[in-house]
Amino acid sequence: SVQSKSAVCFEAGRPSRTYVRPIAHLRSAENGDMTLLLAEPQTGRTHQIRSHLAHFGHPIVGDSLYRQDSQKLRQVDRLFLHC
């Protein structure tokens, strides 16, 4: 399960912190398991939420910048990140 975590995703990076809490676990026959999360960035770095979730192995659906090729889901036309 995903718990509160923080990370610096590359060596030259500045410290940043994002609290992540699971809200619901979803299962799709076509795309596998997904989790709806509440992410609360404590610092304001560019792409912080996207970078941290990808680093934890939970990329955002539709994120073509931070997901790995092995993590491709069915093609979606937008990033599933909402404020």
PDB file of N, CA and C in Angstrom:
ATOM      1  N   SER A   1       0.828  -1.183   0.000  1.00  0.00           N
ATOM      2  CA  SER A   1       0.000   0.000   0.000  1.00  0.00           C
ATOM      3  C   SER A   1       0.870   1.244   0.000  1.00  0.00           C
ATOM      4  N   VAL A   2       0.339   2.326  -0.523  1.00  0.00           N
ATOM      5  CA  VAL A   2       1.041   3.591  -0.582  1.00  0.00           C
ATOM      6  C   VAL A   2       0.771   4.348   0.706  1.00  0.00           C
ATOM      7  N   GLN A   3       1.816   4.840   1.325  1.00  0.00           N
ATOM      8  CA  GLN A   3       1.693   5.602   2.554  1.00  0.00           C
ATOM      9  C   GLN A   3       2.307   6.970   2.332  1.00  0.00           C
ATOM     10  N   SER A   4       2.307   7.825   3.370  1.00  0.00           N
ATOM     11  CA  SER A   4       2.989   9.106   3.261  1.00  0.00           C
ATOM     12  C   SER A   4       4.446   8.856   2.953  1.00  0.00           C
ATOM     13  N   LYS A   5       4.938   9.528   1.934  1.00  0.00           N
ATOM     14  CA  LYS A   5       6.313   9.346   1.515  1.00  0.00           C
ATOM     15  C   LYS A   5       6.870  10.683   1.062  1.00  0.00           C
ATOM     16  N   SER A   6       8.186  10.774   1.032  1.00  0.00           N
ATOM     17  CA  SER A   6       8.852  11.920   0.432  1.00  0.00           C
ATOM     18  C   SER A   6      10.061  11.409  -0.330  1.00  0.00           C
ATOM     19  N   ALA A   7      10.511  12.175  -1.315  1.00  0.00           N
ATOM     20  CA  ALA A   7      11.628  11.702  -2.121  1.00  0.00           C
ATOM     21  C   ALA A   7      12.323  12.855  -2.822  1.00  0.00           C
ATOM     22  N   VAL A   8      13.589  12.671  -3.126  1.00  0.00           N
ATOM     23  CA  VAL A   8      14.327  13.490  -4.077  1.00  0.00           C
ATOM     24  C   VAL A   8      14.688  12.527  -5.189  1.00  0.00           C
ATOM     25  N   CYS A   9      14.227  12.791  -6.406  1.00  0.00           N
ATOM     26  CA  CYS A   9      14.291  11.787  -7.463  1.00  0.00           C
ATOM     27  C   CYS A   9      15.548  11.814  -8.319  1.00  0.00           C
ATOM     28  N   PHE A  10      16.409  12.805  -8.135  1.00  0.00           N
ATOM     29  CA  PHE A  10      17.679  12.790  -8.852  1.00  0.00           C
ATOM     30  C   PHE A  10      18.723  13.481  -8.000  1.00  0.00           C
ATOM     31  N   GLU A  11      19.969  13.134  -8.249  1.00  0.00           N
ATOM     32  CA  GLU A  11      21.068  13.530  -7.373  1.00  0.00           C
ATOM     33  C   GLU A  11      21.188  15.036  -7.182  1.00  0.00           C
ATOM     34  N   ALA A  12      20.993  15.819  -8.223  1.00  0.00           N
ATOM     35  CA  ALA A  12      21.149  17.269  -8.140  1.00  0.00           C
ATOM     36  C   ALA A  12      19.882  17.969  -7.658  1.00  0.00           C
ATOM     37  N   GLY A  13      18.854  17.195  -7.295  1.00  0.00           N
ATOM     38  CA  GLY A  13      17.567  17.766  -6.925  1.00  0.00           C
ATOM     39  C   GLY A  13      17.575  18.452  -5.577  1.00  0.00           C
ATOM     40  N   ARG A  14      16.628  19.367  -5.406  1.00  0.00           N
ATOM     41  CA  ARG A  14      16.443  20.027  -4.125  1.00  0.00           C
ATOM     42  C   ARG A  14      15.446  19.204  -3.316  1.00  0.00           C
ATOM     43  N   PRO A  15      15.564  19.256  -1.996  1.00  0.00           N
ATOM     44  CA  PRO A  15      14.629  18.490  -1.160  1.00  0.00           C
ATOM     45  C   PRO A  15      13.179  18.891  -1.443  1.00  0.00           C
ATOM     46  N   SER A  16      12.321  17.909  -1.474  1.00  0.00           N
ATOM     47  CA  SER A  16      10.889  18.159  -1.662  1.00  0.00           C
ATOM     48  C   SER A  16      10.122  17.064  -0.943  1.00  0.00           C
ATOM     49  N   ARG A  17       8.904  17.374  -0.588  1.00  0.00           N
ATOM     50  CA  ARG A  17       8.111  16.427   0.176  1.00  0.00           C
ATOM     51  C   ARG A  17       6.667  16.458  -0.341  1.00  0.00           C
ATOM     52  N   THR A  18       6.121  15.259  -0.557  1.00  0.00           N
ATOM     53  CA  THR A  18       4.718  15.102  -0.935  1.00  0.00           C
ATOM     54  C   THR A  18       4.123  14.027  -0.046  1.00  0.00           C
ATOM     55  N   TYR A  19       3.036  14.344   0.625  1.00  0.00           N
ATOM     56  CA  TYR A  19       2.307  13.338   1.391  1.00  0.00           C
ATOM     57  C   TYR A  19       1.286  12.704   0.469  1.00  0.00           C
ATOM     58  N   VAL A  20       1.243  11.377   0.467  1.00  0.00           N
ATOM     59  CA  VAL A  20       0.352  10.627  -0.422  1.00  0.00           C
ATOM     60  C   VAL A  20      -0.477   9.675   0.425  1.00  0.00           C
ATOM     61  N   ARG A  21      -1.800   9.694   0.190  1.00  0.00           N
ATOM     62  CA  ARG A  21      -2.700   8.821   0.931  1.00  0.00           C
ATOM     63  C   ARG A  21      -3.672   8.153  -0.041  1.00  0.00           C
ATOM     64  N   PRO A  22      -3.787   6.826   0.008  1.00  0.00           N
ATOM     65  CA  PRO A  22      -4.738   6.137  -0.879  1.00  0.00           C
ATOM     66  C   PRO A  22      -6.179   6.420  -0.463  1.00  0.00           C
ATOM     67  N   ILE A  23      -7.035   6.641  -1.442  1.00  0.00           N
ATOM     68  CA  ILE A  23      -8.463   6.884  -1.220  1.00  0.00           C
ATOM     69  C   ILE A  23      -9.277   5.654  -1.624  1.00  0.00           C
ATOM     70  N   ALA A  24      -8.963   5.086  -2.796  1.00  0.00           N
ATOM     71  CA  ALA A  24      -9.690   3.912  -3.300  1.00  0.00           C
ATOM     72  C   ALA A  24      -8.779   3.102  -4.205  1.00  0.00           C
ATOM     73  N   HIS A  25      -8.961   1.799  -4.185  1.00  0.00           N
ATOM     74  CA  HIS A  25      -8.234   0.904  -5.074  1.00  0.00           C
ATOM     75  C   HIS A  25      -9.202   0.449  -6.165  1.00  0.00           C
ATOM     76  N   LEU A  26      -8.771   0.547  -7.418  1.00  0.00           N
ATOM     77  CA  LEU A  26      -9.614   0.235  -8.565  1.00  0.00           C
ATOM     78  C   LEU A  26      -8.971  -0.886  -9.367  1.00  0.00           C
ATOM     79  N   ARG A  27      -9.786  -1.743  -9.917  1.00  0.00           N
ATOM     80  CA  ARG A  27      -9.278  -2.839 -10.740  1.00  0.00           C
ATOM     81  C   ARG A  27      -9.978  -2.798 -12.090  1.00  0.00           C
ATOM     82  N   SER A  28      -9.178  -2.893 -13.133  1.00  0.00           N
ATOM     83  CA  SER A  28      -9.697  -2.896 -14.495  1.00  0.00           C
ATOM     84  C   SER A  28      -9.146  -4.125 -15.200  1.00  0.00           C
ATOM     85  N   ALA A  29     -10.009  -4.878 -15.846  1.00  0.00           N
ATOM     86  CA  ALA A  29      -9.561  -6.066 -16.577  1.00  0.00           C
ATOM     87  C   ALA A  29      -8.583  -5.667 -17.677  1.00  0.00           C
ATOM     88  N   GLU A  30      -8.797  -4.483 -18.250  1.00  0.00           N
ATOM     89  CA  GLU A  30      -7.969  -4.036 -19.364  1.00  0.00           C
ATOM     90  C   GLU A  30      -6.645  -3.422 -18.903  1.00  0.00           C
ATOM     91  N   ASN A  31      -6.661  -2.679 -17.768  1.00  0.00           N
ATOM     92  CA  ASN A  31      -5.478  -1.928 -17.339  1.00  0.00           C
ATOM     93  C   ASN A  31      -4.873  -2.391 -16.026  1.00  0.00           C
ATOM     94  N   GLY A  32      -5.471  -3.337 -15.350  1.00  0.00           N
ATOM     95  CA  GLY A  32      -4.925  -3.811 -14.091  1.00  0.00           C
ATOM     96  C   GLY A  32      -5.323  -2.945 -12.909  1.00  0.00           C
ATOM     97  N   ASP A  33      -4.520  -2.993 -11.874  1.00  0.00           N
ATOM     98  CA  ASP A  33      -4.818  -2.268 -10.647  1.00  0.00           C
ATOM     99  C   ASP A  33      -4.415  -0.807 -10.748  1.00  0.00           C
ATOM    100  N   MET A  34      -5.253   0.050 -10.177  1.00  0.00           N
ATOM    101  CA  MET A  34      -4.993   1.482 -10.088  1.00  0.00           C
ATOM    102  C   MET A  34      -5.437   1.943  -8.710  1.00  0.00           C
ATOM    103  N   THR A  35      -4.902   3.071  -8.255  1.00  0.00           N
ATOM    104  CA  THR A  35      -5.267   3.617  -6.953  1.00  0.00           C
ATOM    105  C   THR A  35      -5.576   5.091  -7.093  1.00  0.00           C
ATOM    106  N   LEU A  36      -6.702   5.496  -6.534  1.00  0.00           N
ATOM    107  CA  LEU A  36      -7.049   6.906  -6.446  1.00  0.00           C
ATOM    108  C   LEU A  36      -6.350   7.442  -5.205  1.00  0.00           C
ATOM    109  N   LEU A  37      -5.559   8.519  -5.367  1.00  0.00           N
ATOM    110  CA  LEU A  37      -4.746   9.041  -4.281  1.00  0.00           C
ATOM    111  C   LEU A  37      -5.079  10.488  -3.953  1.00  0.00           C
ATOM    112  N   LEU A  38      -4.817  10.860  -2.720  1.00  0.00           N
ATOM    113  CA  LEU A  38      -4.789  12.256  -2.319  1.00  0.00           C
ATOM    114  C   LEU A  38      -3.317  12.600  -2.150  1.00  0.00           C
ATOM    115  N   ALA A  39      -2.820  13.528  -2.933  1.00  0.00           N
ATOM    116  CA  ALA A  39      -1.421  13.939  -2.851  1.00  0.00           C
ATOM    117  C   ALA A  39      -1.374  15.381  -2.366  1.00  0.00           C
ATOM    118  N   GLU A  40      -0.595  15.610  -1.316  1.00  0.00           N
ATOM    119  CA  GLU A  40      -0.468  16.945  -0.738  1.00  0.00           C
ATOM    120  C   GLU A  40       0.998  17.369  -0.781  1.00  0.00           C
ATOM    121  N   PRO A  41       1.367  18.168  -1.798  1.00  0.00           N
ATOM    122  CA  PRO A  41       2.754  18.621  -1.873  1.00  0.00           C
ATOM    123  C   PRO A  41       3.039  19.615  -0.752  1.00  0.00           C
ATOM    124  N   GLN A  42       4.160  19.423  -0.061  1.00  0.00           N
ATOM    125  CA  GLN A  42       4.555  20.318   1.026  1.00  0.00           C
ATOM    126  C   GLN A  42       5.541  21.376   0.538  1.00  0.00           C
ATOM    127  N   THR A  43       6.112  21.149  -0.630  1.00  0.00           N
ATOM    128  CA  THR A  43       6.994  22.113  -1.274  1.00  0.00           C
ATOM    129  C   THR A  43       6.462  22.321  -2.680  1.00  0.00           C
ATOM    130  N   GLY A  44       6.869  23.351  -3.345  1.00  0.00           N
ATOM    131  CA  GLY A  44       6.287  23.688  -4.645  1.00  0.00           C
ATOM    132  C   GLY A  44       7.226  23.525  -5.809  1.00  0.00           C
ATOM    133  N   ARG A  45       7.713  22.338  -6.022  1.00  0.00           N
ATOM    134  CA  ARG A  45       8.629  22.082  -7.141  1.00  0.00           C
ATOM    135  C   ARG A  45       7.833  21.742  -8.400  1.00  0.00           C
ATOM    136  N   THR A  46       8.403  22.076  -9.546  1.00  0.00           N
ATOM    137  CA  THR A  46       7.768  21.780 -10.828  1.00  0.00           C
ATOM    138  C   THR A  46       7.627  20.265 -10.995  1.00  0.00           C
ATOM    139  N   HIS A  47       6.448  19.826 -11.354  1.00  0.00           N
ATOM    140  CA  HIS A  47       6.134  18.411 -11.600  1.00  0.00           C
ATOM    141  C   HIS A  47       6.339  17.549 -10.360  1.00  0.00           C
ATOM    142  N   GLN A  48       6.313  18.124  -9.190  1.00  0.00           N
ATOM    143  CA  GLN A  48       6.630  17.398  -7.957  1.00  0.00           C
ATOM    144  C   GLN A  48       5.767  16.160  -7.759  1.00  0.00           C
ATOM    145  N   ILE A  49       4.466  16.285  -7.879  1.00  0.00           N
ATOM    146  CA  ILE A  49       3.572  15.136  -7.664  1.00  0.00           C
ATOM    147  C   ILE A  49       3.843  14.064  -8.715  1.00  0.00           C
ATOM    148  N   ARG A  50       3.957  14.460  -9.963  1.00  0.00           N
ATOM    149  CA  ARG A  50       4.200  13.508 -11.043  1.00  0.00           C
ATOM    150  C   ARG A  50       5.517  12.775 -10.843  1.00  0.00           C
ATOM    151  N   SER A  51       6.553  13.498 -10.491  1.00  0.00           N
ATOM    152  CA  SER A  51       7.871  12.917 -10.291  1.00  0.00           C
ATOM    153  C   SER A  51       7.891  11.956  -9.103  1.00  0.00           C
ATOM    154  N   HIS A  52       7.309  12.359  -7.984  1.00  0.00           N
ATOM    155  CA  HIS A  52       7.309  11.504  -6.801  1.00  0.00           C
ATOM    156  C   HIS A  52       6.515  10.220  -7.029  1.00  0.00           C
ATOM    157  N   LEU A  53       5.339  10.333  -7.616  1.00  0.00           N
ATOM    158  CA  LEU A  53       4.535   9.126  -7.830  1.00  0.00           C
ATOM    159  C   LEU A  53       5.226   8.161  -8.792  1.00  0.00           C
ATOM    160  N   ALA A  54       5.859   8.664  -9.827  1.00  0.00           N
ATOM    161  CA  ALA A  54       6.599   7.798 -10.742  1.00  0.00           C
ATOM    162  C   ALA A  54       7.778   7.143 -10.013  1.00  0.00           C
ATOM    163  N   HIS A  55       8.449   7.911  -9.169  1.00  0.00           N
ATOM    164  CA  HIS A  55       9.582   7.379  -8.394  1.00  0.00           C
ATOM    165  C   HIS A  55       9.137   6.243  -7.474  1.00  0.00           C
ATOM    166  N   PHE A  56       7.930   6.355  -6.911  1.00  0.00           N
ATOM    167  CA  PHE A  56       7.390   5.318  -6.018  1.00  0.00           C
ATOM    168  C   PHE A  56       6.854   4.116  -6.786  1.00  0.00           C
ATOM    169  N   GLY A  57       6.840   4.201  -8.147  1.00  0.00           N
ATOM    170  CA  GLY A  57       6.319   3.099  -8.947  1.00  0.00           C
ATOM    171  C   GLY A  57       4.829   3.184  -9.193  1.00  0.00           C
ATOM    172  N   HIS A  58       4.244   4.362  -8.987  1.00  0.00           N
ATOM    173  CA  HIS A  58       2.805   4.584  -9.189  1.00  0.00           C
ATOM    174  C   HIS A  58       2.597   5.811 -10.070  1.00  0.00           C
ATOM    175  N   PRO A  59       2.971   5.725 -11.362  1.00  0.00           N
ATOM    176  CA  PRO A  59       2.828   6.901 -12.231  1.00  0.00           C
ATOM    177  C   PRO A  59       1.365   7.263 -12.426  1.00  0.00           C
ATOM    178  N   ILE A  60       1.118   8.513 -12.731  1.00  0.00           N
ATOM    179  CA  ILE A  60      -0.242   8.993 -12.974  1.00  0.00           C
ATOM    180  C   ILE A  60      -0.714   8.501 -14.342  1.00  0.00           C
ATOM    181  N   VAL A  61      -1.944   8.056 -14.410  1.00  0.00           N
ATOM    182  CA  VAL A  61      -2.529   7.612 -15.679  1.00  0.00           C
ATOM    183  C   VAL A  61      -2.450   8.762 -16.682  1.00  0.00           C
ATOM    184  N   GLY A  62      -1.968   8.470 -17.868  1.00  0.00           N
ATOM    185  CA  GLY A  62      -1.874   9.454 -18.932  1.00  0.00           C
ATOM    186  C   GLY A  62      -0.603  10.287 -18.895  1.00  0.00           C
ATOM    187  N   ASP A  63       0.311  10.003 -17.989  1.00  0.00           N
ATOM    188  CA  ASP A  63       1.546  10.782 -17.870  1.00  0.00           C
ATOM    189  C   ASP A  63       2.607  10.225 -18.816  1.00  0.00           C
ATOM    190  N   SER A  64       2.768  10.853 -19.956  1.00  0.00           N
ATOM    191  CA  SER A  64       3.729  10.371 -20.945  1.00  0.00           C
ATOM    192  C   SER A  64       5.150  10.813 -20.616  1.00  0.00           C
ATOM    193  N   LEU A  65       5.322  11.758 -19.708  1.00  0.00           N
ATOM    194  CA  LEU A  65       6.653  12.252 -19.364  1.00  0.00           C
ATOM    195  C   LEU A  65       7.351  11.375 -18.321  1.00  0.00           C
ATOM    196  N   TYR A  66       6.642  10.945 -17.284  1.00  0.00           N
ATOM    197  CA  TYR A  66       7.269  10.249 -16.163  1.00  0.00           C
ATOM    198  C   TYR A  66       7.010   8.750 -16.106  1.00  0.00           C
ATOM    199  N   ARG A  67       6.104   8.218 -16.884  1.00  0.00           N
ATOM    200  CA  ARG A  67       5.867   6.774 -16.805  1.00  0.00           C
ATOM    201  C   ARG A  67       6.936   6.016 -17.575  1.00  0.00           C
ATOM    202  N   GLN A  68       7.162   4.783 -17.176  1.00  0.00           N
ATOM    203  CA  GLN A  68       8.090   3.901 -17.879  1.00  0.00           C
ATOM    204  C   GLN A  68       7.324   3.188 -18.983  1.00  0.00           C
ATOM    205  N   ASP A  69       8.003   2.754 -20.035  1.00  0.00           N
ATOM    206  CA  ASP A  69       7.335   2.041 -21.128  1.00  0.00           C
ATOM    207  C   ASP A  69       6.596   0.816 -20.625  1.00  0.00           C
ATOM    208  N   SER A  70       7.130   0.148 -19.604  1.00  0.00           N
ATOM    209  CA  SER A  70       6.489  -1.057 -19.082  1.00  0.00           C
ATOM    210  C   SER A  70       5.212  -0.723 -18.303  1.00  0.00           C
ATOM    211  N   GLN A  71       4.988   0.550 -18.017  1.00  0.00           N
ATOM    212  CA  GLN A  71       3.824   0.957 -17.238  1.00  0.00           C
ATOM    213  C   GLN A  71       2.731   1.564 -18.111  1.00  0.00           C
ATOM    214  N   LYS A  72       2.800   1.340 -19.420  1.00  0.00           N
ATOM    215  CA  LYS A  72       1.803   1.909 -20.322  1.00  0.00           C
ATOM    216  C   LYS A  72       0.429   1.324 -20.038  1.00  0.00           C
ATOM    217  N   LEU A  73      -0.532   2.183 -19.966  1.00  0.00           N
ATOM    218  CA  LEU A  73      -1.925   1.775 -19.857  1.00  0.00           C
ATOM    219  C   LEU A  73      -2.574   1.994 -21.213  1.00  0.00           C
ATOM    220  N   ARG A  74      -3.790   1.547 -21.325  1.00  0.00           N
ATOM    221  CA  ARG A  74      -4.548   1.829 -22.542  1.00  0.00           C
ATOM    222  C   ARG A  74      -4.440   3.315 -22.839  1.00  0.00           C
ATOM    223  N   GLN A  75      -4.302   3.676 -24.081  1.00  0.00           N
ATOM    224  CA  GLN A  75      -4.098   5.067 -24.485  1.00  0.00           C
ATOM    225  C   GLN A  75      -5.206   5.972 -23.943  1.00  0.00           C
ATOM    226  N   VAL A  76      -4.829   6.999 -23.227  1.00  0.00           N
ATOM    227  CA  VAL A  76      -5.760   8.019 -22.767  1.00  0.00           C
ATOM    228  C   VAL A  76      -5.290   9.348 -23.329  1.00  0.00           C
ATOM    229  N   ASP A  77      -6.197  10.299 -23.474  1.00  0.00           N
ATOM    230  CA  ASP A  77      -5.850  11.548 -24.152  1.00  0.00           C
ATOM    231  C   ASP A  77      -5.525  12.702 -23.201  1.00  0.00           C
ATOM    232  N   ARG A  78      -5.402  12.411 -21.907  1.00  0.00           N
ATOM    233  CA  ARG A  78      -5.067  13.484 -20.974  1.00  0.00           C
ATOM    234  C   ARG A  78      -4.457  12.911 -19.709  1.00  0.00           C
ATOM    235  N   LEU A  79      -3.829  13.772 -18.939  1.00  0.00           N
ATOM    236  CA  LEU A  79      -3.235  13.408 -17.672  1.00  0.00           C
ATOM    237  C   LEU A  79      -4.322  13.356 -16.588  1.00  0.00           C
ATOM    238  N   PHE A  80      -4.391  12.285 -15.846  1.00  0.00           N
ATOM    239  CA  PHE A  80      -5.411  12.121 -14.797  1.00  0.00           C
ATOM    240  C   PHE A  80      -4.898  12.702 -13.473  1.00  0.00           C
ATOM    241  N   LEU A  81      -4.642  13.997 -13.488  1.00  0.00           N
ATOM    242  CA  LEU A  81      -4.199  14.730 -12.308  1.00  0.00           C
ATOM    243  C   LEU A  81      -5.138  15.903 -12.142  1.00  0.00           C
ATOM    244  N   HIS A  82      -5.837  15.950 -11.021  1.00  0.00           N
ATOM    245  CA  HIS A  82      -6.837  16.983 -10.812  1.00  0.00           C
ATOM    246  C   HIS A  82      -6.575  17.697  -9.497  1.00  0.00           C
ATOM    247  N   CYS A  83      -6.779  19.014  -9.516  1.00  0.00           N
ATOM    248  CA  CYS A  83      -6.595  19.815  -8.300  1.00  0.00           C
ATOM    249  C   CYS A  83      -7.926  20.050  -7.619  1.00  0.00           C
TER     250      CYS A  83
END
